[in-house]
Each structure stands twice: as C-alpha cells, then as structure tokens.
Amino acid sequence: MAHLEYNIQIQNSDHAEIVLALIMAYNFEGFLQEEDVLKAYVNQNEFDAYEFETFLNESNLSFNKSTIQHENWNAKWESSFEPIVVPFIDNPQIFACVRANFHPINNDAKYDLLITPKMSFGTGHHPTTFQMIQEMSLLNFENKIVLDYGTGTGVLAILAEKLGAEKIIAIDYDVLCYDNTVENIEANHCKKIIPVLDSHCKNNNEKVDILLANINLNVIISELKNILEVTTQGAEILFSGILIEHKEIIYNALVDHHFQNIQIKSKENWLVIYCTRP
C-alpha cells in the first residue's frame, strides 16, 4: 500500500501547530515534526493530491512530496516515539506513562498505557492529548459509561477503563485508527472498550455519562447536536484539538447549544475545554 509523504516547510514549533490545524481536514493518517519540516502521510489511493497542493500553494506553504511504502514510514514513526509522563493535576505524584512495547516499564507510573501508535493520533506528546489525560484525572470514571469520539490510538479509552469506567465506546472514522485501537486494547488487556468504526458521534439508544472528544474545531461544532443526544443530563464532557485563536468560536457554539459549566484551559497553542450537558 503506497503512501504520499508531504514535507511542508515550517518556521518553528508554533508555526507547525498552526499548519497542522490547517491541514487536519484533509484526513492525513499521521505526522512527524522535524526541525524545519512537518511531514504528513496519507494513503495515495484515497487522497485528492491536486486539491491539497492547490491549498498549500494558496497558503504560501512550501512543500515537496514523495511516494513511499506503508512499512517504511510506519517504522520511522515508531522509532521516533519516546515515552511520555503525564502528571495528574491534583496530585503530581500520580502519573500516567504512555509508552510503546519496545520501551521499558516505568514502575513508578500508576497508569501504564501501552500504545503502539501505527501513525494514529494519541501518544500523549501533543498538547491536546496531554491536556486530555490531565483533565481526565479530575473526573470520576467509576462505573460510568464513556464515549471516546475520535479515539485515534485508543489511549484515552484505555485510560478511562483503568480509571474505573464500566463501559467505553471508542469511535473513529479511520480504519487504521480502528485497527490500531483494537491492537492497543488487547495489549493493555482491556475488557470494557468497544471499538466502533464511524464518522459520527453515535451510541445507539444508550446514553453516556462522560464524553471525550479530541478531534478538531469543525468536527466538534458539527457534532454538538449529536453530543447532546448521546449524553445523559449533567454528563461531563472534555473537548480538545482546538487552537487557542478559536476560543471565542467554540465558546459561543457551546453557549448556543446550552452547554453549562464551561471551563477553558490552554497549553501552548491548544485548548482543552470542560463542560456539562444541560
């Protein structure tokens, strides 16, 4: 299976975050950031290269591209993945360690999250995932039903089970993310996570007590009505994947849909939002 590798020139880390947010809508399967380049990977057979390259040119973003085989970029991604420690907010002595199976166990970590990324999103390195893990430490997951929308690697769903959730529905539209989530569920010996391949926030007739959505601004706003339908009254919700410059947009959208107790924090250029369903 051939993939395209786009090498997009960036000025610094802040610029990389902005570029990443701009191109998320094009359904790339993974990214690697180097010193002055953001590498983006996508299945060649499922991608409109002309449309994307037109967008890059109109945005004055310099780039080049090459065609590579799946196993090549996957091996490169795995080799660049280092363990990440995420301290909990109320008690920094308690922390989660996100690592791959080729990393040694961190015996001091209360929550050991074994994640082989396979180019899916969610290793804890990005400020959005890091913040989501931290904010999850403030919620009570005991015996709760949870929906992880845009699960990526399944890392948040796996942590939700380790925090005591009774049932977790992990949704992603990308088959590679779905397969990776299944693999990571098995690696962590999780029994309460149900992976779902879908693009919308659905949960049949069963409503959830906690909803996690680390995706992007446009998807979150488009799904707010569905989120209201799948959550219980007073359900706790965490959103991330939103740039700080879009704070007013997401805040107004949440207010318009009558979400309550809205609290917004940020790390670097990215927001994490807590709110409750009315």
C-alpha atoms as a PDB file:
ATOM      1  CA  MET A   1       0.000   0.000   0.000  1.00  0.00           C
ATOM      2  CA  ALA A   2       1.705   3.186  -1.233  1.00  0.00           C
ATOM      3  CA  HIS A   3       1.521   6.435   0.730  1.00  0.00           C
ATOM      4  CA  LEU A   4       2.377  10.030  -0.058  1.00  0.00           C
ATOM      5  CA  GLU A   5       4.807  11.861   2.189  1.00  0.00           C
ATOM      6  CA  TYR A   6       4.443  15.647   2.120  1.00  0.00           C
ATOM      7  CA  ASN A   7       7.344  17.651   3.533  1.00  0.00           C
ATOM      8  CA  ILE A   8       5.926  21.051   4.457  1.00  0.00           C
ATOM      9  CA  GLN A   9       8.376  23.782   5.431  1.00  0.00           C
ATOM     10  CA  ILE A  10       7.779  25.288   8.885  1.00  0.00           C
ATOM     11  CA  GLN A  11       9.403  28.180  10.728  1.00  0.00           C
ATOM     12  CA  ASN A  12       9.213  26.863  14.307  1.00  0.00           C
ATOM     13  CA  SER A  13       7.067  24.731  16.610  1.00  0.00           C
ATOM     14  CA  ASP A  14       4.325  27.341  16.856  1.00  0.00           C
ATOM     15  CA  HIS A  15       4.133  27.538  13.078  1.00  0.00           C
ATOM     16  CA  ALA A  16       3.979  23.729  12.916  1.00  0.00           C
ATOM     17  CA  GLU A  17       0.951  23.707  15.213  1.00  0.00           C
ATOM     18  CA  ILE A  18      -0.837  26.239  13.008  1.00  0.00           C
ATOM     19  CA  VAL A  19      -0.046  24.305   9.822  1.00  0.00           C
ATOM     20  CA  LEU A  20      -1.159  21.080  11.455  1.00  0.00           C
ATOM     21  CA  ALA A  21      -4.501  22.598  12.384  1.00  0.00           C
ATOM     22  CA  LEU A  22      -4.971  23.876   8.825  1.00  0.00           C
ATOM     23  CA  ILE A  23      -4.377  20.525   7.144  1.00  0.00           C
ATOM     24  CA  MET A  24      -6.229  18.277   9.614  1.00  0.00           C
ATOM     25  CA  ALA A  25      -9.346  18.425   7.439  1.00  0.00           C
ATOM     26  CA  TYR A  26      -7.545  16.522   4.665  1.00  0.00           C
ATOM     27  CA  ASN A  27      -7.669  13.200   6.551  1.00  0.00           C
ATOM     28  CA  PHE A  28      -3.957  12.561   6.862  1.00  0.00           C
ATOM     29  CA  GLU A  29      -3.089   9.382   8.723  1.00  0.00           C
ATOM     30  CA  GLY A  30      -0.107  10.691  10.622  1.00  0.00           C
ATOM     31  CA  PHE A  31       2.503  13.379  11.073  1.00  0.00           C
ATOM     32  CA  LEU A  32       6.152  13.710  12.060  1.00  0.00           C
ATOM     33  CA  GLN A  33       7.675  17.048  13.046  1.00  0.00           C
ATOM     34  CA  GLU A  34      11.357  17.659  12.439  1.00  0.00           C
ATOM     35  CA  GLU A  35      13.406  20.816  12.905  1.00  0.00           C
ATOM     36  CA  ASP A  36      12.077  22.784   9.950  1.00  0.00           C
ATOM     37  CA  VAL A  37       9.705  20.297   8.308  1.00  0.00           C
ATOM     38  CA  LEU A  38       6.278  18.902   9.085  1.00  0.00           C
ATOM     39  CA  LYS A  39       5.894  15.502   7.421  1.00  0.00           C
ATOM     40  CA  ALA A  40       2.349  14.424   6.594  1.00  0.00           C
ATOM     41  CA  TYR A  41       1.368  10.930   5.449  1.00  0.00           C
ATOM     42  CA  VAL A  42      -1.698   9.782   3.554  1.00  0.00           C
ATOM     43  CA  ASN A  43      -2.895   6.796   1.534  1.00  0.00           C
ATOM     44  CA  GLN A  44      -2.218   7.633  -2.112  1.00  0.00           C
ATOM     45  CA  ASN A  45      -5.361   5.866  -3.335  1.00  0.00           C
ATOM     46  CA  GLU A  46      -7.715   7.796  -1.044  1.00  0.00           C
ATOM     47  CA  PHE A  47      -6.496  11.337  -1.469  1.00  0.00           C
ATOM     48  CA  ASP A  48      -7.038  14.281  -3.812  1.00  0.00           C
ATOM     49  CA  ALA A  49      -3.457  15.475  -4.194  1.00  0.00           C
ATOM     50  CA  TYR A  50      -4.373  18.266  -6.616  1.00  0.00           C
ATOM     51  CA  GLU A  51      -6.863  19.839  -4.197  1.00  0.00           C
ATOM     52  CA  PHE A  52      -4.438  19.658  -1.285  1.00  0.00           C
ATOM     53  CA  GLU A  53      -1.489  21.021  -3.227  1.00  0.00           C
ATOM     54  CA  THR A  54      -3.624  23.870  -4.507  1.00  0.00           C
ATOM     55  CA  PHE A  55      -4.461  24.685  -0.891  1.00  0.00           C
ATOM     56  CA  LEU A  56      -0.771  24.630   0.084  1.00  0.00           C
ATOM     57  CA  ASN A  57       0.148  26.940  -2.782  1.00  0.00           C
ATOM     58  CA  GLU A  58      -2.665  29.367  -1.953  1.00  0.00           C
ATOM     59  CA  SER A  59      -1.497  29.346   1.677  1.00  0.00           C
ATOM     60  CA  ASN A  60       2.091  30.131   0.620  1.00  0.00           C
ATOM     61  CA  LEU A  61       3.384  26.912   2.177  1.00  0.00           C
ATOM     62  CA  SER A  62       6.457  25.441   0.526  1.00  0.00           C
ATOM     63  CA  PHE A  63       6.481  21.664   0.168  1.00  0.00           C
ATOM     64  CA  ASN A  64       7.722  18.635  -1.699  1.00  0.00           C
ATOM     65  CA  LYS A  65       6.318  15.128  -1.820  1.00  0.00           C
ATOM     66  CA  SER A  66       7.406  11.558  -2.435  1.00  0.00           C
ATOM     67  CA  THR A  67       5.778   8.145  -2.652  1.00  0.00           C
ATOM     68  CA  ILE A  68       6.778   5.573  -0.036  1.00  0.00           C
ATOM     69  CA  GLN A  69       5.593   2.198   1.171  1.00  0.00           C
ATOM     70  CA  HIS A  70       3.487   1.821   4.301  1.00  0.00           C
ATOM     71  CA  GLU A  71       6.022  -0.198   6.280  1.00  0.00           C
ATOM     72  CA  ASN A  72       8.744   2.394   5.710  1.00  0.00           C
ATOM     73  CA  TRP A  73       7.002   5.390   7.245  1.00  0.00           C
ATOM     74  CA  ASN A  74       5.447   3.271   9.965  1.00  0.00           C
ATOM     75  CA  ALA A  75       8.869   2.052  11.097  1.00  0.00           C
ATOM     76  CA  LYS A  76      10.170   5.614  11.055  1.00  0.00           C
ATOM     77  CA  TRP A  77       7.268   6.813  13.182  1.00  0.00           C
ATOM     78  CA  GLU A  78       7.733   4.053  15.746  1.00  0.00           C
ATOM     79  CA  SER A  79      11.469   4.723  16.001  1.00  0.00           C
ATOM     80  CA  SER A  80      10.756   8.385  16.874  1.00  0.00           C
ATOM     81  CA  PHE A  81       8.214   7.614  19.609  1.00  0.00           C
ATOM     82  CA  GLU A  82       9.569   8.214  23.114  1.00  0.00           C
ATOM     83  CA  PRO A  83       7.704   7.530  26.395  1.00  0.00           C
ATOM     84  CA  ILE A  84       5.754  10.456  27.848  1.00  0.00           C
ATOM     85  CA  VAL A  85       4.865  11.026  31.509  1.00  0.00           C
ATOM     86  CA  VAL A  86       1.664  12.939  32.292  1.00  0.00           C
ATOM     87  CA  PRO A  87       1.332  14.048  35.943  1.00  0.00           C
ATOM     88  CA  PHE A  88      -2.175  14.284  37.370  1.00  0.00           C
ATOM     89  CA  ILE A  89      -3.360  17.760  38.296  1.00  0.00           C
ATOM     90  CA  ASP A  90      -4.462  17.273  41.898  1.00  0.00           C
ATOM     91  CA  ASN A  91      -1.535  15.010  42.773  1.00  0.00           C
ATOM     92  CA  PRO A  92       1.562  15.200  40.541  1.00  0.00           C
ATOM     93  CA  GLN A  93       2.992  12.187  42.395  1.00  0.00           C
ATOM     94  CA  ILE A  94       0.413  10.145  40.480  1.00  0.00           C
ATOM     95  CA  PHE A  95       1.013   9.984  36.759  1.00  0.00           C
ATOM     96  CA  ALA A  96       0.315   8.086  33.589  1.00  0.00           C
ATOM     97  CA  CYS A  97       3.124   6.846  31.394  1.00  0.00           C
ATOM     98  CA  VAL A  98       2.374   6.414  27.701  1.00  0.00           C
ATOM     99  CA  ARG A  99       4.906   4.073  26.105  1.00  0.00           C
ATOM    100  CA  ALA A 100       5.360   1.580  23.294  1.00  0.00           C
ATOM    101  CA  ASN A 101       6.044  -2.115  23.754  1.00  0.00           C
ATOM    102  CA  PHE A 102       9.744  -1.577  22.990  1.00  0.00           C
ATOM    103  CA  HIS A 103      10.106   0.805  25.961  1.00  0.00           C
ATOM    104  CA  PRO A 104      10.886  -0.425  29.497  1.00  0.00           C
ATOM    105  CA  ILE A 105       8.106  -0.308  32.093  1.00  0.00           C
ATOM    106  CA  ASN A 106       8.041   2.795  34.294  1.00  0.00           C
ATOM    107  CA  ASN A 107       7.476   1.163  37.669  1.00  0.00           C
ATOM    108  CA  ASP A 108       6.574   4.484  39.295  1.00  0.00           C
ATOM    109  CA  ALA A 109       3.613   5.088  36.982  1.00  0.00           C
ATOM    110  CA  LYS A 110       0.223   4.296  38.474  1.00  0.00           C
ATOM    111  CA  TYR A 111      -1.293   4.074  34.995  1.00  0.00           C
ATOM    112  CA  ASP A 112       0.836   2.292  32.411  1.00  0.00           C
ATOM    113  CA  LEU A 113      -0.584   2.899  28.935  1.00  0.00           C
ATOM    114  CA  LEU A 114       0.957   0.653  26.306  1.00  0.00           C
ATOM    115  CA  ILE A 115       0.448   2.328  22.939  1.00  0.00           C
ATOM    116  CA  THR A 116       1.922   1.256  19.612  1.00  0.00           C
ATOM    117  CA  PRO A 117       0.890   4.274  17.519  1.00  0.00           C
ATOM    118  CA  LYS A 118       0.972   2.907  13.938  1.00  0.00           C
ATOM    119  CA  MET A 119       0.655   6.533  12.773  1.00  0.00           C
ATOM    120  CA  SER A 120      -2.619   7.029  14.668  1.00  0.00           C
ATOM    121  CA  PHE A 121      -3.174  10.097  16.811  1.00  0.00           C
ATOM    122  CA  GLY A 122      -2.760   9.921  20.566  1.00  0.00           C
ATOM    123  CA  THR A 123       0.598   9.239  22.189  1.00  0.00           C
ATOM    124  CA  GLY A 124       0.465  11.977  24.817  1.00  0.00           C
ATOM    125  CA  HIS A 125       3.166  14.071  23.167  1.00  0.00           C
ATOM    126  CA  HIS A 126       0.814  16.548  21.552  1.00  0.00           C
ATOM    127  CA  PRO A 127      -0.565  19.223  23.926  1.00  0.00           C
ATOM    128  CA  THR A 128      -4.146  18.154  23.145  1.00  0.00           C
ATOM    129  CA  THR A 129      -3.689  14.543  24.279  1.00  0.00           C
ATOM    130  CA  PHE A 130      -1.509  15.621  27.200  1.00  0.00           C
ATOM    131  CA  GLN A 131      -4.188  18.026  28.425  1.00  0.00           C
ATOM    132  CA  MET A 132      -6.974  15.491  27.944  1.00  0.00           C
ATOM    133  CA  ILE A 133      -5.144  12.971  30.120  1.00  0.00           C
ATOM    134  CA  GLN A 134      -4.590  15.603  32.795  1.00  0.00           C
ATOM    135  CA  GLU A 135      -8.216  16.730  32.784  1.00  0.00           C
ATOM    136  CA  MET A 136      -9.420  13.126  32.909  1.00  0.00           C
ATOM    137  CA  SER A 137      -7.590  12.810  36.229  1.00  0.00           C
ATOM    138  CA  LEU A 138     -10.108  15.287  37.711  1.00  0.00           C
ATOM    139  CA  LEU A 139     -13.185  13.268  36.692  1.00  0.00           C
ATOM    140  CA  ASN A 140     -14.797  10.330  38.463  1.00  0.00           C
ATOM    141  CA  PHE A 141     -14.931   7.443  35.987  1.00  0.00           C
ATOM    142  CA  GLU A 142     -16.077   4.809  38.464  1.00  0.00           C
ATOM    143  CA  ASN A 143     -18.915   2.735  36.945  1.00  0.00           C
ATOM    144  CA  LYS A 144     -19.507   5.345  34.238  1.00  0.00           C
ATOM    145  CA  ILE A 145     -20.343   4.806  30.573  1.00  0.00           C
ATOM    146  CA  VAL A 146     -17.868   6.721  28.410  1.00  0.00           C
ATOM    147  CA  LEU A 147     -17.695   7.672  24.746  1.00  0.00           C
ATOM    148  CA  ASP A 148     -14.279   8.478  23.251  1.00  0.00           C
ATOM    149  CA  TYR A 149     -15.042  10.231  19.967  1.00  0.00           C
ATOM    150  CA  GLY A 150     -12.064  10.346  17.611  1.00  0.00           C
ATOM    151  CA  THR A 151     -10.206   7.734  19.615  1.00  0.00           C
ATOM    152  CA  GLY A 152      -7.058   7.591  17.427  1.00  0.00           C
ATOM    153  CA  THR A 153      -4.810   5.104  19.210  1.00  0.00           C
ATOM    154  CA  GLY A 154      -7.447   4.428  21.867  1.00  0.00           C
ATOM    155  CA  VAL A 155      -5.215   5.928  24.576  1.00  0.00           C
ATOM    156  CA  LEU A 156      -7.999   7.917  26.269  1.00  0.00           C
ATOM    157  CA  ALA A 157     -10.394   4.969  26.169  1.00  0.00           C
ATOM    158  CA  ILE A 158      -7.723   2.751  27.717  1.00  0.00           C
ATOM    159  CA  LEU A 159      -7.080   5.278  30.487  1.00  0.00           C
ATOM    160  CA  ALA A 160     -10.846   5.565  31.089  1.00  0.00           C
ATOM    161  CA  GLU A 161     -11.017   1.822  31.756  1.00  0.00           C
ATOM    162  CA  LYS A 162      -8.020   1.989  34.074  1.00  0.00           C
ATOM    163  CA  LEU A 163      -9.757   4.865  35.913  1.00  0.00           C
ATOM    164  CA  GLY A 164     -12.757   2.629  36.597  1.00  0.00           C
ATOM    165  CA  ALA A 165     -15.219   3.166  33.731  1.00  0.00           C
ATOM    166  CA  GLU A 166     -17.834   0.433  33.346  1.00  0.00           C
ATOM    167  CA  LYS A 167     -18.040   0.655  29.551  1.00  0.00           C
ATOM    168  CA  ILE A 168     -16.226   2.696  26.910  1.00  0.00           C
ATOM    169  CA  ILE A 169     -17.277   3.187  23.281  1.00  0.00           C
ATOM    170  CA  ALA A 170     -14.252   4.211  21.195  1.00  0.00           C
ATOM    171  CA  ILE A 171     -15.211   5.744  17.833  1.00  0.00           C
ATOM    172  CA  ASP A 172     -13.027   6.640  14.873  1.00  0.00           C
ATOM    173  CA  TYR A 173     -13.749   7.016  11.158  1.00  0.00           C
ATOM    174  CA  ASP A 174     -10.302   5.825  10.031  1.00  0.00           C
ATOM    175  CA  VAL A 175      -9.835   2.087   9.583  1.00  0.00           C
ATOM    176  CA  LEU A 176      -6.135   2.342  10.522  1.00  0.00           C
ATOM    177  CA  CYS A 177      -7.079   4.052  13.787  1.00  0.00           C
ATOM    178  CA  TYR A 178      -9.772   1.434  14.389  1.00  0.00           C
ATOM    179  CA  ASP A 179      -7.314  -1.421  13.839  1.00  0.00           C
ATOM    180  CA  ASN A 180      -4.700   0.302  15.987  1.00  0.00           C
ATOM    181  CA  THR A 181      -7.230   0.812  18.781  1.00  0.00           C
ATOM    182  CA  VAL A 182      -8.107  -2.897  18.700  1.00  0.00           C
ATOM    183  CA  GLU A 183      -4.409  -3.759  18.916  1.00  0.00           C
ATOM    184  CA  ASN A 184      -3.818  -1.385  21.828  1.00  0.00           C
ATOM    185  CA  ILE A 185      -6.918  -2.628  23.676  1.00  0.00           C
ATOM    186  CA  GLU A 186      -5.508  -6.149  23.538  1.00  0.00           C
ATOM    187  CA  ALA A 187      -2.013  -5.012  24.548  1.00  0.00           C
ATOM    188  CA  ASN A 188      -3.434  -3.332  27.676  1.00  0.00           C
ATOM    189  CA  HIS A 189      -5.698  -6.312  28.493  1.00  0.00           C
ATOM    190  CA  CYS A 190      -8.758  -4.082  28.448  1.00  0.00           C
ATOM    191  CA  LYS A 191     -12.154  -5.778  28.588  1.00  0.00           C
ATOM    192  CA  LYS A 192     -14.627  -2.896  28.657  1.00  0.00           C
ATOM    193  CA  ILE A 193     -13.804  -0.977  25.465  1.00  0.00           C
ATOM    194  CA  ILE A 194     -15.967  -1.367  22.358  1.00  0.00           C
ATOM    195  CA  PRO A 195     -14.247  -0.020  19.212  1.00  0.00           C
ATOM    196  CA  VAL A 196     -16.570   1.432  16.582  1.00  0.00           C
ATOM    197  CA  LEU A 197     -15.747   2.418  13.007  1.00  0.00           C
ATOM    198  CA  ASP A 198     -17.863   5.516  12.325  1.00  0.00           C
ATOM    199  CA  SER A 199     -17.541   9.190  11.471  1.00  0.00           C
ATOM    200  CA  HIS A 200     -20.344  10.443  13.712  1.00  0.00           C
ATOM    201  CA  CYS A 201     -20.889  10.620  17.440  1.00  0.00           C
ATOM    202  CA  LYS A 202     -23.396   7.803  17.917  1.00  0.00           C
ATOM    203  CA  ASN A 203     -24.185   5.288  20.629  1.00  0.00           C
ATOM    204  CA  ASN A 204     -27.491   3.727  19.610  1.00  0.00           C
ATOM    205  CA  ASN A 205     -30.035   4.263  22.394  1.00  0.00           C
ATOM    206  CA  GLU A 206     -27.597   4.084  25.284  1.00  0.00           C
ATOM    207  CA  LYS A 207     -26.563   7.430  26.726  1.00  0.00           C
ATOM    208  CA  VAL A 208     -23.116   8.101  28.150  1.00  0.00           C
ATOM    209  CA  ASP A 209     -22.039   9.786  31.388  1.00  0.00           C
ATOM    210  CA  ILE A 210     -18.695  11.104  30.113  1.00  0.00           C
ATOM    211  CA  LEU A 211     -17.752  12.116  26.571  1.00  0.00           C
ATOM    212  CA  LEU A 212     -14.195  12.700  25.371  1.00  0.00           C
ATOM    213  CA  ALA A 213     -13.571  14.376  22.011  1.00  0.00           C
ATOM    214  CA  ASN A 214     -10.014  15.190  20.985  1.00  0.00           C
ATOM    215  CA  ILE A 215     -10.599  15.989  17.302  1.00  0.00           C
ATOM    216  CA  ASN A 216     -10.781  19.472  15.760  1.00  0.00           C
ATOM    217  CA  LEU A 217     -12.960  22.576  15.822  1.00  0.00           C
ATOM    218  CA  ASN A 218     -15.084  21.854  12.744  1.00  0.00           C
ATOM    219  CA  VAL A 219     -15.942  18.284  13.684  1.00  0.00           C
ATOM    220  CA  ILE A 220     -16.768  19.199  17.273  1.00  0.00           C
ATOM    221  CA  ILE A 221     -19.086  22.033  16.249  1.00  0.00           C
ATOM    222  CA  SER A 222     -20.801  19.879  13.617  1.00  0.00           C
ATOM    223  CA  GLU A 223     -21.403  17.138  16.199  1.00  0.00           C
ATOM    224  CA  LEU A 224     -22.682  19.234  19.121  1.00  0.00           C
ATOM    225  CA  LYS A 225     -26.308  18.315  18.409  1.00  0.00           C
ATOM    226  CA  ASN A 226     -25.404  14.613  18.333  1.00  0.00           C
ATOM    227  CA  ILE A 227     -23.373  15.018  21.517  1.00  0.00           C
ATOM    228  CA  LEU A 228     -26.453  16.380  23.275  1.00  0.00           C
ATOM    229  CA  GLU A 229     -28.422  13.360  22.086  1.00  0.00           C
ATOM    230  CA  VAL A 230     -25.954  10.693  23.239  1.00  0.00           C
ATOM    231  CA  THR A 231     -25.164  12.113  26.694  1.00  0.00           C
ATOM    232  CA  THR A 232     -27.089  11.941  29.941  1.00  0.00           C
ATOM    233  CA  GLN A 233     -28.321  15.059  31.731  1.00  0.00           C
ATOM    234  CA  GLY A 234     -25.358  16.574  33.552  1.00  0.00           C
ATOM    235  CA  ALA A 235     -22.855  14.444  31.627  1.00  0.00           C
ATOM    236  CA  GLU A 236     -19.255  15.658  31.813  1.00  0.00           C
ATOM    237  CA  ILE A 237     -17.529  16.456  28.519  1.00  0.00           C
ATOM    238  CA  LEU A 238     -13.933  17.180  27.549  1.00  0.00           C
ATOM    239  CA  PHE A 239     -13.054  18.751  24.191  1.00  0.00           C
ATOM    240  CA  SER A 240      -9.634  19.338  22.677  1.00  0.00           C
ATOM    241  CA  GLY A 241      -7.964  19.660  19.273  1.00  0.00           C
ATOM    242  CA  ILE A 242      -8.891  23.354  19.112  1.00  0.00           C
ATOM    243  CA  LEU A 243      -6.439  26.191  18.571  1.00  0.00           C
ATOM    244  CA  ILE A 244      -6.377  29.000  21.117  1.00  0.00           C
ATOM    245  CA  GLU A 245      -7.278  31.508  18.383  1.00  0.00           C
ATOM    246  CA  HIS A 246     -10.645  29.753  18.029  1.00  0.00           C
ATOM    247  CA  LYS A 247     -11.539  30.124  21.693  1.00  0.00           C
ATOM    248  CA  GLU A 248     -14.380  32.576  21.072  1.00  0.00           C
ATOM    249  CA  ILE A 249     -15.832  30.456  18.262  1.00  0.00           C
ATOM    250  CA  ILE A 250     -16.040  27.255  20.303  1.00  0.00           C
ATOM    251  CA  TYR A 251     -17.230  29.100  23.418  1.00  0.00           C
ATOM    252  CA  ASN A 252     -20.099  30.734  21.515  1.00  0.00           C
ATOM    253  CA  ALA A 253     -21.044  27.424  19.899  1.00  0.00           C
ATOM    254  CA  LEU A 254     -21.219  25.729  23.298  1.00  0.00           C
ATOM    255  CA  VAL A 255     -23.311  28.563  24.725  1.00  0.00           C
ATOM    256  CA  ASP A 256     -25.644  28.436  21.712  1.00  0.00           C
ATOM    257  CA  HIS A 257     -26.225  24.720  22.399  1.00  0.00           C
ATOM    258  CA  HIS A 258     -26.793  25.465  26.101  1.00  0.00           C
ATOM    259  CA  PHE A 259     -23.798  23.566  27.482  1.00  0.00           C
ATOM    260  CA  GLN A 260     -23.066  24.542  31.074  1.00  0.00           C
ATOM    261  CA  ASN A 261     -20.110  24.983  33.456  1.00  0.00           C
ATOM    262  CA  ILE A 262     -17.766  25.818  30.579  1.00  0.00           C
ATOM    263  CA  GLN A 263     -14.113  25.939  31.667  1.00  0.00           C
ATOM    264  CA  ILE A 264     -11.308  26.580  29.185  1.00  0.00           C
ATOM    265  CA  LYS A 265      -7.597  25.971  29.703  1.00  0.00           C
ATOM    266  CA  SER A 266      -4.674  26.002  27.310  1.00  0.00           C
ATOM    267  CA  LYS A 267      -1.233  24.529  26.748  1.00  0.00           C
ATOM    268  CA  GLU A 268       0.992  26.092  24.135  1.00  0.00           C
ATOM    269  CA  ASN A 269      -1.428  26.958  21.280  1.00  0.00           C
ATOM    270  CA  TRP A 270      -4.124  24.410  22.127  1.00  0.00           C
ATOM    271  CA  LEU A 271      -7.289  24.465  24.224  1.00  0.00           C
ATOM    272  CA  VAL A 272      -8.886  21.875  26.445  1.00  0.00           C
ATOM    273  CA  ILE A 273     -12.495  22.511  27.435  1.00  0.00           C
ATOM    274  CA  TYR A 274     -14.600  21.060  30.233  1.00  0.00           C
ATOM    275  CA  CYS A 275     -18.354  21.472  30.188  1.00  0.00           C
ATOM    276  CA  THR A 276     -21.508  19.643  31.172  1.00  0.00           C
ATOM    277  CA  ARG A 277     -24.645  18.734  29.285  1.00  0.00           C
ATOM    278  CA  PRO A 278     -27.727  20.712  30.338  1.00  0.00           C
END
